[in-house]
């Protein structure tokens, strides 16, 4: 096996209702690829009060079991691979305090931002849906920056998830604003390997051209929803070619530098 990433902090479990495989299968896949750190960051639960039941994230009462499961495996695999447990979360001010209280209570390791919605999942708008609405793009950038300014998030997953198909100049202006803000905050951006594997609209080369020009910190995230995705050497190599094309410097985040909340 050629060189491969040593750390991945973006791994899901079946609790999100759209991933497959056991935690052990993800861990064994990571070990087979020579990874040193595997972080689970399943979709954070939301304290819905209107009876809404999410089909894409665990329920609030599953958080304790989720963390306990990974902690138990971490003890079993100690000395072979370091296992961490966190959550992938949207920044939704309405839910933020309750989610942070939950994260403190279960004693997770980290939080990454994946801004899948503007507004609530139940009645908000999916950011990956095609749009030509300038205000929607601006709202995405405003929300991401506001969330990152809380200091709660380790990095921004799939920053180019926003699927804006409007004016090139508006995209350039707003994504430059996002990249400059995260550069100043020293928060990395993620090249999302699942997006590459599944030929989604992200990673978007026009976004990474901006990030390369600004000099943002960059990490790779498998965004694994299937253990087999961890073993996709070819996708990793495609990501590295993209990084080289836009002069992006890929970082392996040191586990000791993970932000607390």
C-alpha atoms as a PDB file:
ATOM      1  CA  UNK A   1       0.000   0.000   0.000  1.00  0.00           C
ATOM      2  CA  UNK A   2       1.241   3.469  -0.875  1.00  0.00           C
ATOM      3  CA  UNK A   3       1.095   6.440   1.485  1.00  0.00           C
ATOM      4  CA  UNK A   4      -2.319   6.967   2.994  1.00  0.00           C
ATOM      5  CA  UNK A   5      -3.902   9.351   5.464  1.00  0.00           C
ATOM      6  CA  UNK A   6      -3.025   8.681   9.102  1.00  0.00           C
ATOM      7  CA  UNK A   7      -6.060  10.361  10.637  1.00  0.00           C
ATOM      8  CA  UNK A   8      -9.753  10.558   9.805  1.00  0.00           C
ATOM      9  CA  UNK A   9     -12.224  12.375  12.054  1.00  0.00           C
ATOM     10  CA  UNK A  10     -15.296  11.928   9.844  1.00  0.00           C
ATOM     11  CA  UNK A  11     -16.835   8.470  10.322  1.00  0.00           C
ATOM     12  CA  UNK A  12     -20.526   7.641  10.751  1.00  0.00           C
ATOM     13  CA  UNK A  13     -22.470   4.784  12.342  1.00  0.00           C
ATOM     14  CA  UNK A  14     -25.820   3.144  11.679  1.00  0.00           C
ATOM     15  CA  UNK A  15     -27.408   5.403  14.308  1.00  0.00           C
ATOM     16  CA  UNK A  16     -27.726   8.095  11.639  1.00  0.00           C
ATOM     17  CA  UNK A  17     -30.113   5.793   9.752  1.00  0.00           C
ATOM     18  CA  UNK A  18     -28.269   6.088   6.445  1.00  0.00           C
ATOM     19  CA  UNK A  19     -24.937   4.363   7.143  1.00  0.00           C
ATOM     20  CA  UNK A  20     -24.123   0.648   7.176  1.00  0.00           C
ATOM     21  CA  UNK A  21     -21.653  -1.577   9.023  1.00  0.00           C
ATOM     22  CA  UNK A  22     -20.556  -2.012  12.611  1.00  0.00           C
ATOM     23  CA  UNK A  23     -18.126   0.259  14.409  1.00  0.00           C
ATOM     24  CA  UNK A  24     -15.714  -2.667  14.553  1.00  0.00           C
ATOM     25  CA  UNK A  25     -15.794  -2.983  10.763  1.00  0.00           C
ATOM     26  CA  UNK A  26     -14.869   0.683  10.375  1.00  0.00           C
ATOM     27  CA  UNK A  27     -12.045   0.257  12.874  1.00  0.00           C
ATOM     28  CA  UNK A  28     -10.658  -2.851  11.194  1.00  0.00           C
ATOM     29  CA  UNK A  29     -10.788  -1.072   7.821  1.00  0.00           C
ATOM     30  CA  UNK A  30      -8.844   1.861   9.277  1.00  0.00           C
ATOM     31  CA  UNK A  31      -6.229  -0.472  10.756  1.00  0.00           C
ATOM     32  CA  UNK A  32      -5.852  -2.257   7.415  1.00  0.00           C
ATOM     33  CA  UNK A  33      -5.034   1.120   5.818  1.00  0.00           C
ATOM     34  CA  UNK A  34      -2.438   1.996   8.432  1.00  0.00           C
ATOM     35  CA  UNK A  35      -4.437   4.751  10.115  1.00  0.00           C
ATOM     36  CA  UNK A  36      -3.268   5.888  13.530  1.00  0.00           C
ATOM     37  CA  UNK A  37      -6.381   7.832  14.612  1.00  0.00           C
ATOM     38  CA  UNK A  38     -10.007   7.151  13.726  1.00  0.00           C
ATOM     39  CA  UNK A  39     -12.650   9.567  14.891  1.00  0.00           C
ATOM     40  CA  UNK A  40     -16.362   8.845  14.813  1.00  0.00           C
ATOM     41  CA  UNK A  41     -18.463  11.947  14.172  1.00  0.00           C
ATOM     42  CA  UNK A  42     -22.018  10.780  13.675  1.00  0.00           C
ATOM     43  CA  UNK A  43     -24.781  13.304  12.997  1.00  0.00           C
ATOM     44  CA  UNK A  44     -25.595  15.172  16.175  1.00  0.00           C
ATOM     45  CA  UNK A  45     -29.081  14.663  17.627  1.00  0.00           C
ATOM     46  CA  UNK A  46     -31.415  17.644  17.815  1.00  0.00           C
ATOM     47  CA  UNK A  47     -33.795  18.370  20.707  1.00  0.00           C
ATOM     48  CA  UNK A  48     -36.894  18.732  18.560  1.00  0.00           C
ATOM     49  CA  UNK A  49     -39.910  19.895  20.568  1.00  0.00           C
ATOM     50  CA  UNK A  50     -42.582  19.712  17.868  1.00  0.00           C
ATOM     51  CA  UNK A  51     -42.751  15.927  17.525  1.00  0.00           C
ATOM     52  CA  UNK A  52     -40.500  15.870  14.455  1.00  0.00           C
ATOM     53  CA  UNK A  53     -38.443  12.659  14.138  1.00  0.00           C
ATOM     54  CA  UNK A  54     -35.312  12.898  12.013  1.00  0.00           C
ATOM     55  CA  UNK A  55     -34.537  10.255   9.406  1.00  0.00           C
ATOM     56  CA  UNK A  56     -30.872  11.305   9.118  1.00  0.00           C
ATOM     57  CA  UNK A  57     -29.560  11.483  12.681  1.00  0.00           C
ATOM     58  CA  UNK A  58     -29.668   9.638  15.990  1.00  0.00           C
ATOM     59  CA  UNK A  59     -32.214  10.492  18.658  1.00  0.00           C
ATOM     60  CA  UNK A  60     -31.120  12.485  21.727  1.00  0.00           C
ATOM     61  CA  UNK A  61     -31.439   9.430  23.984  1.00  0.00           C
ATOM     62  CA  UNK A  62     -28.942   7.490  21.838  1.00  0.00           C
ATOM     63  CA  UNK A  63     -26.031   9.837  22.530  1.00  0.00           C
ATOM     64  CA  UNK A  64     -24.904   8.108  25.734  1.00  0.00           C
ATOM     65  CA  UNK A  65     -24.921   4.649  24.171  1.00  0.00           C
ATOM     66  CA  UNK A  66     -23.052   5.958  21.110  1.00  0.00           C
ATOM     67  CA  UNK A  67     -20.217   7.428  23.163  1.00  0.00           C
ATOM     68  CA  UNK A  68     -20.090   4.424  25.512  1.00  0.00           C
ATOM     69  CA  UNK A  69     -19.797   2.049  22.537  1.00  0.00           C
ATOM     70  CA  UNK A  70     -16.819   3.875  21.027  1.00  0.00           C
ATOM     71  CA  UNK A  71     -15.129   4.284  24.422  1.00  0.00           C
ATOM     72  CA  UNK A  72     -15.406   0.541  25.025  1.00  0.00           C
ATOM     73  CA  UNK A  73     -13.841  -0.207  21.647  1.00  0.00           C
ATOM     74  CA  UNK A  74     -11.112   2.365  22.317  1.00  0.00           C
ATOM     75  CA  UNK A  75     -10.053   0.403  25.383  1.00  0.00           C
ATOM     76  CA  UNK A  76     -10.088  -2.847  23.400  1.00  0.00           C
ATOM     77  CA  UNK A  77      -7.957  -1.426  20.567  1.00  0.00           C
ATOM     78  CA  UNK A  78      -5.593   0.597  22.761  1.00  0.00           C
ATOM     79  CA  UNK A  79      -2.072   0.322  21.418  1.00  0.00           C
ATOM     80  CA  UNK A  80      -3.277  -0.523  17.908  1.00  0.00           C
ATOM     81  CA  UNK A  81      -5.266   2.560  16.905  1.00  0.00           C
ATOM     82  CA  UNK A  82      -6.515   5.610  18.766  1.00  0.00           C
ATOM     83  CA  UNK A  83     -10.296   5.934  18.676  1.00  0.00           C
ATOM     84  CA  UNK A  84     -12.102   9.206  19.330  1.00  0.00           C
ATOM     85  CA  UNK A  85     -15.779  10.046  19.440  1.00  0.00           C
ATOM     86  CA  UNK A  86     -17.526  13.264  18.504  1.00  0.00           C
ATOM     87  CA  UNK A  87     -20.376  14.586  16.411  1.00  0.00           C
ATOM     88  CA  UNK A  88     -20.965  16.273  13.063  1.00  0.00           C
ATOM     89  CA  UNK A  89     -23.314  19.187  13.670  1.00  0.00           C
ATOM     90  CA  UNK A  90     -25.042  22.050  11.966  1.00  0.00           C
ATOM     91  CA  UNK A  91     -24.868  25.398  13.695  1.00  0.00           C
ATOM     92  CA  UNK A  92     -28.511  25.991  14.583  1.00  0.00           C
ATOM     93  CA  UNK A  93     -28.714  28.683  17.298  1.00  0.00           C
ATOM     94  CA  UNK A  94     -32.101  27.395  18.453  1.00  0.00           C
ATOM     95  CA  UNK A  95     -30.586  24.034  19.421  1.00  0.00           C
ATOM     96  CA  UNK A  96     -26.987  25.009  20.109  1.00  0.00           C
ATOM     97  CA  UNK A  97     -27.079  25.414  23.908  1.00  0.00           C
ATOM     98  CA  UNK A  98     -28.977  22.164  24.457  1.00  0.00           C
ATOM     99  CA  UNK A  99     -26.624  20.300  22.146  1.00  0.00           C
ATOM    100  CA  UNK A 100     -23.575  21.702  23.901  1.00  0.00           C
ATOM    101  CA  UNK A 101     -24.972  20.644  27.260  1.00  0.00           C
ATOM    102  CA  UNK A 102     -25.437  17.143  25.875  1.00  0.00           C
ATOM    103  CA  UNK A 103     -21.900  17.096  24.457  1.00  0.00           C
ATOM    104  CA  UNK A 104     -20.440  18.089  27.816  1.00  0.00           C
ATOM    105  CA  UNK A 105     -22.512  15.469  29.588  1.00  0.00           C
ATOM    106  CA  UNK A 106     -21.427  12.572  27.382  1.00  0.00           C
ATOM    107  CA  UNK A 107     -17.822  13.831  27.409  1.00  0.00           C
ATOM    108  CA  UNK A 108     -17.173  13.663  23.677  1.00  0.00           C
ATOM    109  CA  UNK A 109     -13.827  14.526  22.127  1.00  0.00           C
ATOM    110  CA  UNK A 110     -14.683  16.981  19.364  1.00  0.00           C
ATOM    111  CA  UNK A 111     -17.289  18.510  17.098  1.00  0.00           C
ATOM    112  CA  UNK A 112     -17.077  19.146  13.354  1.00  0.00           C
ATOM    113  CA  UNK A 113     -19.456  21.389  11.437  1.00  0.00           C
ATOM    114  CA  UNK A 114     -21.410  20.041   8.491  1.00  0.00           C
ATOM    115  CA  UNK A 115     -23.940  22.755   7.624  1.00  0.00           C
ATOM    116  CA  UNK A 116     -26.526  20.615   5.829  1.00  0.00           C
ATOM    117  CA  UNK A 117     -29.429  22.995   6.447  1.00  0.00           C
ATOM    118  CA  UNK A 118     -30.208  26.659   6.853  1.00  0.00           C
ATOM    119  CA  UNK A 119     -32.764  26.749   9.628  1.00  0.00           C
ATOM    120  CA  UNK A 120     -34.104  23.613  11.244  1.00  0.00           C
ATOM    121  CA  UNK A 121     -33.985  20.249   9.525  1.00  0.00           C
ATOM    122  CA  UNK A 122     -37.755  19.932   9.899  1.00  0.00           C
ATOM    123  CA  UNK A 123     -38.620  23.078   7.936  1.00  0.00           C
ATOM    124  CA  UNK A 124     -35.305  24.486   6.731  1.00  0.00           C
ATOM    125  CA  UNK A 125     -33.626  24.215   3.327  1.00  0.00           C
ATOM    126  CA  UNK A 126     -30.989  21.627   2.412  1.00  0.00           C
ATOM    127  CA  UNK A 127     -27.796  23.431   1.459  1.00  0.00           C
ATOM    128  CA  UNK A 128     -26.838  20.801  -1.138  1.00  0.00           C
ATOM    129  CA  UNK A 129     -29.905  21.486  -3.275  1.00  0.00           C
ATOM    130  CA  UNK A 130     -29.228  23.478  -6.466  1.00  0.00           C
ATOM    131  CA  UNK A 131     -30.021  27.163  -6.070  1.00  0.00           C
ATOM    132  CA  UNK A 132     -29.433  30.480  -7.806  1.00  0.00           C
ATOM    133  CA  UNK A 133     -30.525  32.469  -4.773  1.00  0.00           C
ATOM    134  CA  UNK A 134     -27.786  34.928  -3.787  1.00  0.00           C
ATOM    135  CA  UNK A 135     -29.278  35.446  -0.323  1.00  0.00           C
ATOM    136  CA  UNK A 136     -29.206  31.702   0.356  1.00  0.00           C
ATOM    137  CA  UNK A 137     -25.490  31.562  -0.414  1.00  0.00           C
ATOM    138  CA  UNK A 138     -24.865  34.597   1.782  1.00  0.00           C
ATOM    139  CA  UNK A 139     -26.938  33.007   4.545  1.00  0.00           C
ATOM    140  CA  UNK A 140     -24.834  29.861   4.364  1.00  0.00           C
ATOM    141  CA  UNK A 141     -21.610  31.832   4.704  1.00  0.00           C
ATOM    142  CA  UNK A 142     -23.033  33.958   7.542  1.00  0.00           C
ATOM    143  CA  UNK A 143     -24.166  30.847   9.432  1.00  0.00           C
ATOM    144  CA  UNK A 144     -20.883  29.003   9.021  1.00  0.00           C
ATOM    145  CA  UNK A 145     -18.849  31.984  10.193  1.00  0.00           C
ATOM    146  CA  UNK A 146     -21.134  32.592  13.187  1.00  0.00           C
ATOM    147  CA  UNK A 147     -20.870  28.944  14.178  1.00  0.00           C
ATOM    148  CA  UNK A 148     -17.116  28.877  13.843  1.00  0.00           C
ATOM    149  CA  UNK A 149     -16.771  32.008  15.946  1.00  0.00           C
ATOM    150  CA  UNK A 150     -18.222  30.039  18.900  1.00  0.00           C
ATOM    151  CA  UNK A 151     -14.973  28.099  19.056  1.00  0.00           C
ATOM    152  CA  UNK A 152     -16.874  24.816  19.348  1.00  0.00           C
ATOM    153  CA  UNK A 153     -15.860  23.204  16.057  1.00  0.00           C
ATOM    154  CA  UNK A 154     -12.677  21.413  15.062  1.00  0.00           C
ATOM    155  CA  UNK A 155     -13.095  21.987  11.323  1.00  0.00           C
ATOM    156  CA  UNK A 156     -15.623  22.622   8.543  1.00  0.00           C
ATOM    157  CA  UNK A 157     -16.723  19.461   6.738  1.00  0.00           C
ATOM    158  CA  UNK A 158     -17.525  19.688   3.015  1.00  0.00           C
ATOM    159  CA  UNK A 159     -17.394  23.519   2.974  1.00  0.00           C
ATOM    160  CA  UNK A 160     -18.431  23.401  -0.680  1.00  0.00           C
ATOM    161  CA  UNK A 161     -21.660  21.481   0.006  1.00  0.00           C
ATOM    162  CA  UNK A 162     -23.580  24.681  -0.809  1.00  0.00           C
ATOM    163  CA  UNK A 163     -24.780  24.081  -4.364  1.00  0.00           C
ATOM    164  CA  UNK A 164     -24.976  27.610  -5.725  1.00  0.00           C
ATOM    165  CA  UNK A 165     -25.503  27.836  -9.488  1.00  0.00           C
ATOM    166  CA  UNK A 166     -25.902  31.594  -9.780  1.00  0.00           C
ATOM    167  CA  UNK A 167     -23.488  34.333 -10.747  1.00  0.00           C
ATOM    168  CA  UNK A 168     -19.782  33.436 -10.688  1.00  0.00           C
ATOM    169  CA  UNK A 169     -18.896  36.802  -9.173  1.00  0.00           C
ATOM    170  CA  UNK A 170     -21.265  36.316  -6.254  1.00  0.00           C
ATOM    171  CA  UNK A 171     -19.866  32.830  -5.589  1.00  0.00           C
ATOM    172  CA  UNK A 172     -16.317  34.178  -5.694  1.00  0.00           C
ATOM    173  CA  UNK A 173     -17.171  37.023  -3.332  1.00  0.00           C
ATOM    174  CA  UNK A 174     -19.023  34.932  -0.755  1.00  0.00           C
ATOM    175  CA  UNK A 175     -16.702  31.942  -0.715  1.00  0.00           C
ATOM    176  CA  UNK A 176     -13.723  34.266  -0.461  1.00  0.00           C
ATOM    177  CA  UNK A 177     -15.430  35.778   2.580  1.00  0.00           C
ATOM    178  CA  UNK A 178     -15.862  32.312   4.082  1.00  0.00           C
ATOM    179  CA  UNK A 179     -12.288  31.240   3.376  1.00  0.00           C
ATOM    180  CA  UNK A 180     -10.824  34.463   4.729  1.00  0.00           C
ATOM    181  CA  UNK A 181     -12.854  34.187   7.937  1.00  0.00           C
ATOM    182  CA  UNK A 182     -11.745  30.610   8.569  1.00  0.00           C
ATOM    183  CA  UNK A 183      -8.165  31.505   7.693  1.00  0.00           C
ATOM    184  CA  UNK A 184      -8.243  34.172  10.381  1.00  0.00           C
ATOM    185  CA  UNK A 185      -9.776  31.721  12.856  1.00  0.00           C
ATOM    186  CA  UNK A 186      -7.184  29.052  11.958  1.00  0.00           C
ATOM    187  CA  UNK A 187      -9.961  26.517  11.328  1.00  0.00           C
ATOM    188  CA  UNK A 188      -9.313  23.890   8.636  1.00  0.00           C
ATOM    189  CA  UNK A 189     -11.501  23.107   5.637  1.00  0.00           C
ATOM    190  CA  UNK A 190     -12.226  19.500   4.662  1.00  0.00           C
ATOM    191  CA  UNK A 191     -11.790  17.927   1.246  1.00  0.00           C
ATOM    192  CA  UNK A 192     -14.603  15.413   1.406  1.00  0.00           C
ATOM    193  CA  UNK A 193     -13.645  11.995   0.042  1.00  0.00           C
ATOM    194  CA  UNK A 194     -17.207  10.679  -0.067  1.00  0.00           C
ATOM    195  CA  UNK A 195     -18.096  13.507  -2.436  1.00  0.00           C
ATOM    196  CA  UNK A 196     -15.204  12.511  -4.686  1.00  0.00           C
ATOM    197  CA  UNK A 197     -16.093   8.819  -4.515  1.00  0.00           C
ATOM    198  CA  UNK A 198     -19.736   9.384  -5.418  1.00  0.00           C
ATOM    199  CA  UNK A 199     -19.090  12.116  -8.003  1.00  0.00           C
ATOM    200  CA  UNK A 200     -21.191  14.675  -6.177  1.00  0.00           C
ATOM    201  CA  UNK A 201     -21.067  18.425  -6.874  1.00  0.00           C
ATOM    202  CA  UNK A 202     -18.388  18.679  -4.196  1.00  0.00           C
ATOM    203  CA  UNK A 203     -15.462  18.880  -3.817  1.00  0.00           C
ATOM    204  CA  UNK A 204     -15.883  21.858  -6.133  1.00  0.00           C
ATOM    205  CA  UNK A 205     -12.710  22.903  -7.890  1.00  0.00           C
ATOM    206  CA  UNK A 206     -13.771  26.555  -8.029  1.00  0.00           C
ATOM    207  CA  UNK A 207     -13.986  26.541  -4.225  1.00  0.00           C
ATOM    208  CA  UNK A 208     -10.582  24.946  -3.705  1.00  0.00           C
ATOM    209  CA  UNK A 209      -9.003  27.387  -6.109  1.00  0.00           C
ATOM    210  CA  UNK A 210     -10.126  30.149  -3.734  1.00  0.00           C
ATOM    211  CA  UNK A 211      -8.915  28.259  -0.655  1.00  0.00           C
ATOM    212  CA  UNK A 212      -5.556  27.661  -2.297  1.00  0.00           C
ATOM    213  CA  UNK A 213      -5.154  31.331  -3.088  1.00  0.00           C
ATOM    214  CA  UNK A 214      -5.967  32.351   0.469  1.00  0.00           C
ATOM    215  CA  UNK A 215      -3.839  29.614   2.033  1.00  0.00           C
ATOM    216  CA  UNK A 216      -6.433  27.917   4.223  1.00  0.00           C
ATOM    217  CA  UNK A 217      -5.589  24.977   6.430  1.00  0.00           C
ATOM    218  CA  UNK A 218      -6.909  21.786   4.798  1.00  0.00           C
ATOM    219  CA  UNK A 219      -7.721  18.297   6.055  1.00  0.00           C
ATOM    220  CA  UNK A 220      -9.082  15.170   4.405  1.00  0.00           C
ATOM    221  CA  UNK A 221     -12.276  13.565   5.669  1.00  0.00           C
ATOM    222  CA  UNK A 222     -13.543  10.187   4.487  1.00  0.00           C
ATOM    223  CA  UNK A 223     -17.121  10.946   5.588  1.00  0.00           C
ATOM    224  CA  UNK A 224     -17.474   7.179   5.758  1.00  0.00           C
ATOM    225  CA  UNK A 225     -20.988   5.749   5.717  1.00  0.00           C
ATOM    226  CA  UNK A 226     -19.713   2.305   4.776  1.00  0.00           C
ATOM    227  CA  UNK A 227     -16.512   0.631   6.068  1.00  0.00           C
ATOM    228  CA  UNK A 228     -15.378   0.012   2.489  1.00  0.00           C
ATOM    229  CA  UNK A 229     -15.110   3.770   1.912  1.00  0.00           C
ATOM    230  CA  UNK A 230     -12.173   3.918   4.323  1.00  0.00           C
ATOM    231  CA  UNK A 231     -10.206   1.627   2.001  1.00  0.00           C
ATOM    232  CA  UNK A 232     -10.609   3.727  -1.153  1.00  0.00           C
ATOM    233  CA  UNK A 233      -6.936   4.394  -1.886  1.00  0.00           C
ATOM    234  CA  UNK A 234      -7.764   5.699  -5.357  1.00  0.00           C
ATOM    235  CA  UNK A 235     -10.078   8.392  -4.001  1.00  0.00           C
ATOM    236  CA  UNK A 236      -7.393   9.490  -1.557  1.00  0.00           C
ATOM    237  CA  UNK A 237      -4.945   9.805  -4.449  1.00  0.00           C
ATOM    238  CA  UNK A 238      -7.461  11.892  -6.428  1.00  0.00           C
ATOM    239  CA  UNK A 239      -7.827  14.211  -3.439  1.00  0.00           C
ATOM    240  CA  UNK A 240      -4.063  14.586  -3.203  1.00  0.00           C
ATOM    241  CA  UNK A 241      -3.865  15.485  -6.893  1.00  0.00           C
ATOM    242  CA  UNK A 242      -6.509  18.157  -6.339  1.00  0.00           C
ATOM    243  CA  UNK A 243      -4.513  19.477  -3.402  1.00  0.00           C
ATOM    244  CA  UNK A 244      -1.379  19.636  -5.517  1.00  0.00           C
ATOM    245  CA  UNK A 245      -3.234  21.393  -8.347  1.00  0.00           C
ATOM    246  CA  UNK A 246      -4.361  24.240  -6.071  1.00  0.00           C
ATOM    247  CA  UNK A 247      -1.293  24.325  -3.791  1.00  0.00           C
ATOM    248  CA  UNK A 248      -3.293  23.104  -0.800  1.00  0.00           C
ATOM    249  CA  UNK A 249      -1.258  21.870   2.138  1.00  0.00           C
ATOM    250  CA  UNK A 250      -2.964  18.838   3.686  1.00  0.00           C
ATOM    251  CA  UNK A 251      -2.617  18.608   7.458  1.00  0.00           C
ATOM    252  CA  UNK A 252      -2.818  15.568   9.699  1.00  0.00           C
ATOM    253  CA  UNK A 253      -4.405  17.181  12.758  1.00  0.00           C
ATOM    254  CA  UNK A 254      -2.567  16.255  15.935  1.00  0.00           C
ATOM    255  CA  UNK A 255      -4.960  14.556  18.372  1.00  0.00           C
ATOM    256  CA  UNK A 256      -3.549  16.641  21.186  1.00  0.00           C
ATOM    257  CA  UNK A 257      -4.651  19.819  19.418  1.00  0.00           C
ATOM    258  CA  UNK A 258      -8.325  18.877  19.213  1.00  0.00           C
ATOM    259  CA  UNK A 259     -10.441  21.723  20.474  1.00  0.00           C
ATOM    260  CA  UNK A 260     -12.492  21.328  23.585  1.00  0.00           C
ATOM    261  CA  UNK A 261     -15.956  22.677  24.117  1.00  0.00           C
END
